[in-house]
Amino acid sequence: AFNLLPRAFPSRRAFFFPFANPQIRPTHNFQLLRPLSTENQKNSQHHPPIISESSKNVTRHYYAKGDKIVITETPLQNASTSRSKYGLDKWRLVRFFLPEQYPSSVSPDYISYQSWQFLQNMFNSACYVFSTHSLFSAFGMGSASLPVTSIISVANCWIIKDGLGFIVVILGSRLGSSFDHDTKRAKFWAEVFANFGLTLDILTNFFPSKVLFIASIANILKSIGGLMGGSARVAIIKSFAQKNNVGDVFAKNQSQSILAYILGTALGMGLIQCLPSISSSIFLIFASTSLLSIFCNYRSVDCLRLRTINRSKLKLLLDGFWETGGVANVKEISRKESFVGLRLPEWNGSEFTNGVRVKIGCSVEDLIGKDLNKWTDMKRLFEKERYLLGYDTKNMLIMLIMHREHSRDDLLRAFCHSYAMARIVVDKKNDADVNPALKESYSEMCKKFSDFAEQLKKRGWDTGDLMISSGDRYAEW
């Protein structure tokens, strides 16, 4: 290579080592010092750097020194220099399980939620080992003399039970929006349904004559749990991502889950090897592991601090605002929020406050009937709004219908008006004419809404993504 260089070059060695030749000057005025010397430390105290940069392992400072720039490097304190026998340090291994730029890239509730979820996934995986072992035994797969016809029959039964679960997923997808509107409740009950299904799988070994029926019901419950849990997981991961890094958070969630599944599978297989055969003892061990799984799931959901607003949160926020004039923050509302009950508050027509129900997406005929004067009065009252509101005194039902071009702000105003209306009509149950209550509640809402919406933003609530259904019927006027 040296001989191939042009003879005109001043020094063939300098071609590879140009700065070794004093006649050849660098084309830039940078000087790299590493690590930061004592002299430069003293200089840096008097002359701050003109610019600094940081990576995962080192911080660089650029100082002006005459007509040159001096670069100093300082290793970060948490950068591990020790290597394992495989050439990987612990911080590089962590990058497989935590999002980039953790913890600034995720919300504060991320690590507590993921810690409990890791334990829940591990115990849940052990439960799946027990249930699969029981199913195989119930179908007779452990017998060495099992004929070919029986094997085909077992395969057909397995396909039938899985097929029923697939059908349930298709039918249950119709309720997908409900899972968005109440994420914590959906996440909690998803694991409860899945554990109920696993329990039925264990019971198939005690009722071998009903194995197909029990296994099918179990798979339906597990499919419902999988549908609810998968839908809720998307909303949870989205809430964690703070720097448009949903894909990274999701990928790390998957890697953590897989590690938990591996450990849980090893735990389940180890416990099964310790038991002589399928008996009541395996059911007791399964029950203990299942309860631990449900407990860890409860704790993980309880750690969530979702900034989105649904009906139940909106009611708590409005209760506090109407009483004190202030809006609670995300942490305070999360502590008060209930998610254990199986009741789905987002179902249309459910109770909103003070025993008064709210139904959104009702018919215009239910609001005004065929009375033109009633429509004229209502149009005059809601002239500047993108919703219409009425009240059924007999059923204590507030009826709402949104304009086809309504916004999230309009939906929030409609529910604030409904709340004000509910507080007024409870005190005036015997009044047949609801027009005064409509006007009074609307006036109260207009006075308080601006302050309420402003405080929501200041307290960290996400008002741009309101998790409240606007119904499937709209109007234009």
Foldseek 3Di string as FASTA:
>chain_A
DLVPDDPPPPDSVCVVVVVVDVVRDDPAQEAEDPAQDPVNVVVCVVFPAPDKDDDPFWIWGWHDDPPHIYIHIDTDPPHDPDADPVRDDPVVVVPQQDFPPPPVQWDPLVVQLLVLVLLLLLLVLLLVLLLVVLLCVLLVVVDPPDDPVSVVVSVVLVVVLLVLLVVLLVVVVVCLLLCLQQLLLLQLVLLVLLLVLSLLSLCSNVVSVCNSVSNSSSSNSNSSSVNSNVSSVLLQLVNTGDPPPSVRSVSSSVVSSVVSSVNSNVVNVVVVVVDPDSDVVSSVVSVVSSVSSSVSSVSSSLSDQGQAAHLQLLLVQLVCCVVPVAGDFSNVSSNVDDNHDPDRQQPAQHDRDPQATEHAQDDVCVAQNPDPVSVVVQCVLQVPAQKGWHADLVNNYIYIAGAPPDALLRVSLVVQLVVLLSVVCVVVSPDPDCVVSSNVSNVVSVVSVVSSVVNSVVSPHDSRRHSHDNDDHHDHD
